[in-house]
Amino acid sequence: MINLRRLDVIRIFALSALLLTCSAISWAQQRPPIADKMAKAHGLDSFGQVEGIRYTFNVERPNVNVSRSWEWNPKTDSVSYEGKDKDGKPVKVTYHRSQATGEPEDIDANFLNDQYWLLLPFHVIWDTSATVTDEGMQKLPLGDGAGEKLVVKYPSEGGYSSGDTWDIYVGADDRVQEFVYHRGGPKKPSVVIAPWTDYKKAGPLLFSLDHQSMADDAPVHIFFSNVAVKMTGSENWINAQ
């Protein structure tokens, strides 16, 4: 399988096994106010009502096309994956992340990367090891205008994101406008700039589905398809629209 590292996309820090709304609120109190507003604008207060999230993560860059489909139950932290294995062969697998050893561990690294792109605003609250600071209004790296800049920095040791930093630019509507990723280690790309566009809502959650990005000045298109949310007590999936 073409994994996270071979794609040179973003490494990420491990998710919490169980995401409870009360804990999220407690963690949010330790963050700058704009971080709390950003997460809530994307649906954090309703996340405890979410039974499942499914989506397909797509990458297009010169000579590379990747498509990986996921279904995640945040309450049980179970994952279903459909795509390719590390040898490029079609594969379907379902596992619990607490038991992600052996072959599923390679798949789980991709799950973490892809899911982080979808739920970045929540990770600013969830990832308690990261230091988050508000640097005020700053000019956008790519687009016109400005956004309130949040700097999210991970410790130099431990986790997938050791030493990594994200500069997140938040708009007046509290949505993510762009982010700049700075890798903490020597692997490439060392810098990824990603605009957040094509916002759509699935149930109570707001997602950005399109990122016409730059990775060390080379274009890379990252986008989501087939995004849907299932709420607790329902068997129906709500498509992003």
C-alpha atoms as a PDB file:
ATOM      1  CA  MET A   1       0.000   0.000   0.000  1.00  0.00           C
ATOM      2  CA  ILE A   2       1.175   3.570  -0.671  1.00  0.00           C
ATOM      3  CA  ASN A   3       1.222   4.728   2.912  1.00  0.00           C
ATOM      4  CA  LEU A   4       1.439   8.026   4.734  1.00  0.00           C
ATOM      5  CA  ARG A   5       5.218   8.262   4.678  1.00  0.00           C
ATOM      6  CA  ARG A   6       5.673   7.222   1.024  1.00  0.00           C
ATOM      7  CA  LEU A   7       3.092   9.786  -0.005  1.00  0.00           C
ATOM      8  CA  ASP A   8       4.971  12.454   1.946  1.00  0.00           C
ATOM      9  CA  VAL A   9       1.665  13.717   3.242  1.00  0.00           C
ATOM     10  CA  ILE A  10       1.269  14.856   6.850  1.00  0.00           C
ATOM     11  CA  ARG A  11       2.155  12.743   9.868  1.00  0.00           C
ATOM     12  CA  ILE A  12      -0.276  13.054  12.711  1.00  0.00           C
ATOM     13  CA  PHE A  13      -0.642  12.441  16.379  1.00  0.00           C
ATOM     14  CA  ALA A  14      -2.716   9.487  17.665  1.00  0.00           C
ATOM     15  CA  LEU A  15      -6.420  10.051  18.355  1.00  0.00           C
ATOM     16  CA  SER A  16      -8.063   9.588  21.723  1.00  0.00           C
ATOM     17  CA  ALA A  17      -9.708   6.173  21.934  1.00  0.00           C
ATOM     18  CA  LEU A  18     -13.011   7.612  23.121  1.00  0.00           C
ATOM     19  CA  LEU A  19     -14.143  11.175  22.450  1.00  0.00           C
ATOM     20  CA  LEU A  20     -16.594  12.436  25.055  1.00  0.00           C
ATOM     21  CA  THR A  21     -18.217  15.828  24.798  1.00  0.00           C
ATOM     22  CA  CYS A  22     -17.616  16.686  28.439  1.00  0.00           C
ATOM     23  CA  SER A  23     -13.896  15.994  28.063  1.00  0.00           C
ATOM     24  CA  ALA A  24     -13.739  18.063  24.894  1.00  0.00           C
ATOM     25  CA  ILE A  25     -15.280  21.014  26.698  1.00  0.00           C
ATOM     26  CA  SER A  26     -12.787  20.651  29.571  1.00  0.00           C
ATOM     27  CA  TRP A  27      -9.842  20.567  27.152  1.00  0.00           C
ATOM     28  CA  ALA A  28     -11.220  23.517  25.213  1.00  0.00           C
ATOM     29  CA  GLN A  29     -10.998  25.649  28.363  1.00  0.00           C
ATOM     30  CA  GLN A  30      -7.213  25.261  28.213  1.00  0.00           C
ATOM     31  CA  ARG A  31      -7.007  26.560  24.633  1.00  0.00           C
ATOM     32  CA  PRO A  32      -7.169  30.118  23.275  1.00  0.00           C
ATOM     33  CA  PRO A  33     -10.799  31.245  22.847  1.00  0.00           C
ATOM     34  CA  ILE A  34     -10.529  31.186  19.040  1.00  0.00           C
ATOM     35  CA  ALA A  35      -9.583  27.488  19.153  1.00  0.00           C
ATOM     36  CA  ASP A  36     -12.772  26.727  21.067  1.00  0.00           C
ATOM     37  CA  LYS A  37     -14.836  28.841  18.652  1.00  0.00           C
ATOM     38  CA  MET A  38     -13.256  27.131  15.642  1.00  0.00           C
ATOM     39  CA  ALA A  39     -13.963  23.627  16.941  1.00  0.00           C
ATOM     40  CA  LYS A  40     -17.547  24.517  17.833  1.00  0.00           C
ATOM     41  CA  ALA A  41     -18.135  26.107  14.411  1.00  0.00           C
ATOM     42  CA  HIS A  42     -17.229  22.726  12.883  1.00  0.00           C
ATOM     43  CA  GLY A  43     -19.605  20.842  15.207  1.00  0.00           C
ATOM     44  CA  LEU A  44     -17.615  19.825  18.288  1.00  0.00           C
ATOM     45  CA  ASP A  45     -20.505  20.316  20.720  1.00  0.00           C
ATOM     46  CA  SER A  46     -22.544  17.692  18.830  1.00  0.00           C
ATOM     47  CA  PHE A  47     -19.736  15.194  18.297  1.00  0.00           C
ATOM     48  CA  GLY A  48     -20.891  13.044  21.201  1.00  0.00           C
ATOM     49  CA  GLN A  49     -24.076  12.282  19.220  1.00  0.00           C
ATOM     50  CA  VAL A  50     -22.148  10.900  16.252  1.00  0.00           C
ATOM     51  CA  GLU A  51     -22.231   7.118  15.858  1.00  0.00           C
ATOM     52  CA  GLY A  52     -20.195   6.859  12.668  1.00  0.00           C
ATOM     53  CA  ILE A  53     -18.310   8.845  10.037  1.00  0.00           C
ATOM     54  CA  ARG A  54     -17.475   7.507   6.591  1.00  0.00           C
ATOM     55  CA  TYR A  55     -15.443   9.119   3.825  1.00  0.00           C
ATOM     56  CA  THR A  56     -13.038   8.522   0.959  1.00  0.00           C
ATOM     57  CA  PHE A  57      -9.676  10.289   1.085  1.00  0.00           C
ATOM     58  CA  ASN A  58      -8.223  11.102  -2.339  1.00  0.00           C
ATOM     59  CA  VAL A  59      -4.775  12.339  -3.376  1.00  0.00           C
ATOM     60  CA  GLU A  60      -3.823  13.516  -6.867  1.00  0.00           C
ATOM     61  CA  ARG A  61      -0.304  14.604  -7.716  1.00  0.00           C
ATOM     62  CA  PRO A  62       1.992  13.939 -10.689  1.00  0.00           C
ATOM     63  CA  ASN A  63       2.191  10.160 -11.222  1.00  0.00           C
ATOM     64  CA  VAL A  64       0.269   9.437  -8.007  1.00  0.00           C
ATOM     65  CA  ASN A  65      -3.446   8.777  -7.521  1.00  0.00           C
ATOM     66  CA  VAL A  66      -4.628   7.386  -4.202  1.00  0.00           C
ATOM     67  CA  SER A  67      -8.128   6.590  -2.957  1.00  0.00           C
ATOM     68  CA  ARG A  68      -8.832   5.184   0.522  1.00  0.00           C
ATOM     69  CA  SER A  69     -12.316   4.619   1.980  1.00  0.00           C
ATOM     70  CA  TRP A  70     -12.980   4.597   5.721  1.00  0.00           C
ATOM     71  CA  GLU A  71     -15.760   4.121   8.222  1.00  0.00           C
ATOM     72  CA  TRP A  72     -15.041   5.085  11.834  1.00  0.00           C
ATOM     73  CA  ASN A  73     -17.120   4.592  14.974  1.00  0.00           C
ATOM     74  CA  PRO A  74     -15.715   7.123  17.474  1.00  0.00           C
ATOM     75  CA  LYS A  75     -17.460   5.517  20.466  1.00  0.00           C
ATOM     76  CA  THR A  76     -15.842   2.105  19.978  1.00  0.00           C
ATOM     77  CA  ASP A  77     -12.849   3.367  17.940  1.00  0.00           C
ATOM     78  CA  SER A  78     -13.476   0.675  15.344  1.00  0.00           C
ATOM     79  CA  VAL A  79     -12.388   1.221  11.740  1.00  0.00           C
ATOM     80  CA  SER A  80     -13.380  -0.327   8.409  1.00  0.00           C
ATOM     81  CA  TYR A  81     -11.045   0.224   5.470  1.00  0.00           C
ATOM     82  CA  GLU A  82     -11.335  -0.426   1.745  1.00  0.00           C
ATOM     83  CA  GLY A  83      -8.458   0.334  -0.586  1.00  0.00           C
ATOM     84  CA  LYS A  84      -5.082  -1.256  -1.218  1.00  0.00           C
ATOM     85  CA  ASP A  85      -2.529  -2.952   0.991  1.00  0.00           C
ATOM     86  CA  LYS A  86       1.170  -2.058   1.088  1.00  0.00           C
ATOM     87  CA  ASP A  87       1.760  -4.232  -2.005  1.00  0.00           C
ATOM     88  CA  GLY A  88      -0.953  -2.455  -3.994  1.00  0.00           C
ATOM     89  CA  LYS A  89      -3.488  -5.307  -3.795  1.00  0.00           C
ATOM     90  CA  PRO A  90      -7.173  -4.584  -3.074  1.00  0.00           C
ATOM     91  CA  VAL A  91      -8.072  -5.149   0.558  1.00  0.00           C
ATOM     92  CA  LYS A  92     -10.979  -4.790   2.964  1.00  0.00           C
ATOM     93  CA  VAL A  93     -10.391  -4.893   6.704  1.00  0.00           C
ATOM     94  CA  THR A  94     -12.233  -4.045   9.927  1.00  0.00           C
ATOM     95  CA  TYR A  95     -10.381  -3.650  13.225  1.00  0.00           C
ATOM     96  CA  HIS A  96     -10.390  -1.937  16.596  1.00  0.00           C
ATOM     97  CA  ARG A  97      -7.627   0.617  16.882  1.00  0.00           C
ATOM     98  CA  SER A  98      -6.575  -0.663  20.310  1.00  0.00           C
ATOM     99  CA  GLN A  99      -5.686  -3.929  18.556  1.00  0.00           C
ATOM    100  CA  ALA A 100      -3.920  -2.360  15.548  1.00  0.00           C
ATOM    101  CA  THR A 101      -0.852  -4.604  15.326  1.00  0.00           C
ATOM    102  CA  GLY A 102       0.807  -6.342  12.410  1.00  0.00           C
ATOM    103  CA  GLU A 103      -0.669  -5.557   8.983  1.00  0.00           C
ATOM    104  CA  PRO A 104      -3.525  -3.364  10.308  1.00  0.00           C
ATOM    105  CA  GLU A 105      -0.901  -1.126  11.923  1.00  0.00           C
ATOM    106  CA  ASP A 106       0.245   0.007   8.483  1.00  0.00           C
ATOM    107  CA  ILE A 107      -3.353   0.683   7.506  1.00  0.00           C
ATOM    108  CA  ASP A 108      -3.975   2.455  10.792  1.00  0.00           C
ATOM    109  CA  ALA A 109      -1.197   4.968  10.056  1.00  0.00           C
ATOM    110  CA  ASN A 110      -3.060   5.931   6.880  1.00  0.00           C
ATOM    111  CA  PHE A 111      -6.333   6.113   8.799  1.00  0.00           C
ATOM    112  CA  LEU A 112      -4.810   8.616  11.202  1.00  0.00           C
ATOM    113  CA  ASN A 113      -3.404  10.771   8.406  1.00  0.00           C
ATOM    114  CA  ASP A 114      -6.612  10.822   6.385  1.00  0.00           C
ATOM    115  CA  GLN A 115      -8.865  11.413   9.377  1.00  0.00           C
ATOM    116  CA  TYR A 116      -6.723  14.301  10.567  1.00  0.00           C
ATOM    117  CA  TRP A 117      -7.295  16.134   7.279  1.00  0.00           C
ATOM    118  CA  LEU A 118     -11.047  15.773   7.824  1.00  0.00           C
ATOM    119  CA  LEU A 119     -11.198  16.665  11.530  1.00  0.00           C
ATOM    120  CA  LEU A 120      -8.325  19.109  12.035  1.00  0.00           C
ATOM    121  CA  PRO A 121     -10.394  21.686  14.005  1.00  0.00           C
ATOM    122  CA  PHE A 122     -11.261  19.025  16.588  1.00  0.00           C
ATOM    123  CA  HIS A 123      -7.660  17.851  16.982  1.00  0.00           C
ATOM    124  CA  VAL A 124      -6.656  21.294  18.196  1.00  0.00           C
ATOM    125  CA  ILE A 125      -8.881  20.524  21.207  1.00  0.00           C
ATOM    126  CA  TRP A 126      -8.370  16.757  21.464  1.00  0.00           C
ATOM    127  CA  ASP A 127      -4.578  16.557  21.208  1.00  0.00           C
ATOM    128  CA  THR A 128      -3.671  17.663  24.709  1.00  0.00           C
ATOM    129  CA  SER A 129       0.076  17.127  24.234  1.00  0.00           C
ATOM    130  CA  ALA A 130       0.194  19.968  21.700  1.00  0.00           C
ATOM    131  CA  THR A 131       0.846  23.582  22.689  1.00  0.00           C
ATOM    132  CA  VAL A 132      -1.639  25.998  21.104  1.00  0.00           C
ATOM    133  CA  THR A 133      -1.036  29.745  20.924  1.00  0.00           C
ATOM    134  CA  ASP A 134      -2.979  32.598  19.338  1.00  0.00           C
ATOM    135  CA  GLU A 135      -0.776  34.970  17.310  1.00  0.00           C
ATOM    136  CA  GLY A 136      -3.569  37.322  16.275  1.00  0.00           C
ATOM    137  CA  MET A 137      -4.596  38.422  12.787  1.00  0.00           C
ATOM    138  CA  GLN A 138      -2.094  37.537  10.056  1.00  0.00           C
ATOM    139  CA  LYS A 139      -2.086  37.658   6.251  1.00  0.00           C
ATOM    140  CA  LEU A 140      -3.113  34.382   4.621  1.00  0.00           C
ATOM    141  CA  PRO A 141      -0.185  32.434   3.100  1.00  0.00           C
ATOM    142  CA  LEU A 142      -2.018  31.786  -0.188  1.00  0.00           C
ATOM    143  CA  GLY A 143      -5.291  33.638  -0.424  1.00  0.00           C
ATOM    144  CA  ASP A 144      -6.265  37.268  -0.090  1.00  0.00           C
ATOM    145  CA  GLY A 145      -7.190  38.685   3.272  1.00  0.00           C
ATOM    146  CA  ALA A 146      -6.218  37.632   6.772  1.00  0.00           C
ATOM    147  CA  GLY A 147      -7.112  35.144   9.468  1.00  0.00           C
ATOM    148  CA  GLU A 148      -6.512  34.691  13.170  1.00  0.00           C
ATOM    149  CA  LYS A 149      -3.411  32.535  13.379  1.00  0.00           C
ATOM    150  CA  LEU A 150      -3.316  29.555  15.738  1.00  0.00           C
ATOM    151  CA  VAL A 151       0.053  27.824  16.137  1.00  0.00           C
ATOM    152  CA  VAL A 152      -0.254  24.163  17.163  1.00  0.00           C
ATOM    153  CA  LYS A 153       3.106  22.652  18.141  1.00  0.00           C
ATOM    154  CA  TYR A 154       3.737  19.058  19.189  1.00  0.00           C
ATOM    155  CA  PRO A 155       6.505  17.977  21.575  1.00  0.00           C
ATOM    156  CA  SER A 156       9.833  16.947  20.093  1.00  0.00           C
ATOM    157  CA  GLU A 157       9.489  13.322  21.201  1.00  0.00           C
ATOM    158  CA  GLY A 158       6.669  10.791  21.046  1.00  0.00           C
ATOM    159  CA  GLY A 159       3.764  10.205  18.687  1.00  0.00           C
ATOM    160  CA  TYR A 160       3.498  10.550  14.938  1.00  0.00           C
ATOM    161  CA  SER A 161       3.859  14.339  15.015  1.00  0.00           C
ATOM    162  CA  SER A 162       6.986  14.787  17.122  1.00  0.00           C
ATOM    163  CA  GLY A 163       8.267  18.323  16.597  1.00  0.00           C
ATOM    164  CA  ASP A 164       5.650  19.147  13.985  1.00  0.00           C
ATOM    165  CA  THR A 165       3.892  22.515  13.864  1.00  0.00           C
ATOM    166  CA  TRP A 166       0.628  23.615  12.219  1.00  0.00           C
ATOM    167  CA  ASP A 167      -0.179  27.274  11.577  1.00  0.00           C
ATOM    168  CA  ILE A 168      -3.967  27.432  11.276  1.00  0.00           C
ATOM    169  CA  TYR A 169      -5.669  30.541   9.911  1.00  0.00           C
ATOM    170  CA  VAL A 170      -9.229  31.025  11.170  1.00  0.00           C
ATOM    171  CA  GLY A 171     -11.713  33.297   9.421  1.00  0.00           C
ATOM    172  CA  ALA A 172     -14.320  35.678  10.808  1.00  0.00           C
ATOM    173  CA  ASP A 173     -16.861  32.842  10.566  1.00  0.00           C
ATOM    174  CA  ASP A 174     -14.596  30.704  12.818  1.00  0.00           C
ATOM    175  CA  ARG A 175     -13.921  28.273   9.974  1.00  0.00           C
ATOM    176  CA  VAL A 176     -10.438  27.146   8.959  1.00  0.00           C
ATOM    177  CA  GLN A 177      -9.312  29.102   5.893  1.00  0.00           C
ATOM    178  CA  GLU A 178      -5.801  27.715   5.394  1.00  0.00           C
ATOM    179  CA  PHE A 179      -3.081  25.929   7.296  1.00  0.00           C
ATOM    180  CA  VAL A 180       0.683  25.598   6.930  1.00  0.00           C
ATOM    181  CA  TYR A 181       2.330  22.397   8.140  1.00  0.00           C
ATOM    182  CA  HIS A 182       5.993  22.420   9.190  1.00  0.00           C
ATOM    183  CA  ARG A 183       7.553  18.969   9.563  1.00  0.00           C
ATOM    184  CA  GLY A 184       9.622  18.394  12.674  1.00  0.00           C
ATOM    185  CA  GLY A 185      11.901  15.784  11.104  1.00  0.00           C
ATOM    186  CA  PRO A 186      14.035  15.464   7.974  1.00  0.00           C
ATOM    187  CA  LYS A 187      11.482  13.721   5.733  1.00  0.00           C
ATOM    188  CA  LYS A 188       9.943  15.563   2.795  1.00  0.00           C
ATOM    189  CA  PRO A 189       7.885  17.546   2.171  1.00  0.00           C
ATOM    190  CA  SER A 190       9.004  19.854   4.944  1.00  0.00           C
ATOM    191  CA  VAL A 191       6.196  22.383   4.349  1.00  0.00           C
ATOM    192  CA  VAL A 192       2.613  21.813   3.183  1.00  0.00           C
ATOM    193  CA  ILE A 193       0.190  24.703   2.596  1.00  0.00           C
ATOM    194  CA  ALA A 194      -3.467  23.723   2.372  1.00  0.00           C
ATOM    195  CA  PRO A 195      -6.461  25.982   1.713  1.00  0.00           C
ATOM    196  CA  TRP A 196      -9.790  24.765   3.127  1.00  0.00           C
ATOM    197  CA  THR A 197     -12.609  25.093   0.613  1.00  0.00           C
ATOM    198  CA  ASP A 198     -15.848  23.399  -0.509  1.00  0.00           C
ATOM    199  CA  TYR A 199     -17.432  23.370   2.944  1.00  0.00           C
ATOM    200  CA  LYS A 200     -20.370  21.012   3.356  1.00  0.00           C
ATOM    201  CA  LYS A 201     -22.393  19.825   6.328  1.00  0.00           C
ATOM    202  CA  ALA A 202     -23.245  16.232   7.263  1.00  0.00           C
ATOM    203  CA  GLY A 203     -25.586  16.114  10.225  1.00  0.00           C
ATOM    204  CA  PRO A 204     -24.152  18.507  12.828  1.00  0.00           C
ATOM    205  CA  LEU A 205     -20.579  18.354  11.496  1.00  0.00           C
ATOM    206  CA  LEU A 206     -19.070  20.841   9.050  1.00  0.00           C
ATOM    207  CA  PHE A 207     -16.340  19.569   6.720  1.00  0.00           C
ATOM    208  CA  SER A 208     -13.977  21.129   4.202  1.00  0.00           C
ATOM    209  CA  LEU A 209     -13.852  18.659   1.316  1.00  0.00           C
ATOM    210  CA  ASP A 210     -11.281  20.207  -1.028  1.00  0.00           C
ATOM    211  CA  HIS A 211      -7.624  21.193  -0.552  1.00  0.00           C
ATOM    212  CA  GLN A 212      -5.731  22.424  -3.628  1.00  0.00           C
ATOM    213  CA  SER A 213      -2.459  22.293  -1.728  1.00  0.00           C
ATOM    214  CA  MET A 214       1.262  22.907  -2.149  1.00  0.00           C
ATOM    215  CA  ALA A 215       3.885  20.513  -0.777  1.00  0.00           C
ATOM    216  CA  ASP A 216       7.360  22.087  -0.897  1.00  0.00           C
ATOM    217  CA  ASP A 217       6.129  24.269  -3.800  1.00  0.00           C
ATOM    218  CA  ALA A 218       4.792  21.258  -5.734  1.00  0.00           C
ATOM    219  CA  PRO A 219       1.024  21.025  -6.307  1.00  0.00           C
ATOM    220  CA  VAL A 220      -0.958  18.248  -4.632  1.00  0.00           C
ATOM    221  CA  HIS A 221      -4.741  17.941  -4.680  1.00  0.00           C
ATOM    222  CA  ILE A 222      -6.267  16.384  -1.572  1.00  0.00           C
ATOM    223  CA  PHE A 223     -10.022  16.002  -1.444  1.00  0.00           C
ATOM    224  CA  PHE A 224     -12.824  13.978   0.138  1.00  0.00           C
ATOM    225  CA  SER A 225     -15.748  12.170  -1.446  1.00  0.00           C
ATOM    226  CA  ASN A 226     -18.613  10.001  -0.127  1.00  0.00           C
ATOM    227  CA  VAL A 227     -18.624  11.843   3.203  1.00  0.00           C
ATOM    228  CA  ALA A 228     -21.509  10.943   5.519  1.00  0.00           C
ATOM    229  CA  VAL A 229     -22.385  10.867   9.218  1.00  0.00           C
ATOM    230  CA  LYS A 230     -24.621   8.493  11.185  1.00  0.00           C
ATOM    231  CA  MET A 231     -26.170   9.742  14.414  1.00  0.00           C
ATOM    232  CA  THR A 232     -26.706   7.689  17.567  1.00  0.00           C
ATOM    233  CA  GLY A 233     -30.021   5.829  17.483  1.00  0.00           C
ATOM    234  CA  SER A 234     -30.337   5.972  13.685  1.00  0.00           C
ATOM    235  CA  GLU A 235     -29.461   3.509  10.945  1.00  0.00           C
ATOM    236  CA  ASN A 236     -29.463   6.191   8.268  1.00  0.00           C
ATOM    237  CA  TRP A 237     -26.389   7.934   6.894  1.00  0.00           C
ATOM    238  CA  ILE A 238     -26.580  11.700   6.329  1.00  0.00           C
ATOM    239  CA  ASN A 239     -24.578  12.709   3.274  1.00  0.00           C
ATOM    240  CA  ALA A 240     -22.482  15.872   3.247  1.00  0.00           C
ATOM    241  CA  GLN A 241     -24.239  18.566   1.224  1.00  0.00           C
END
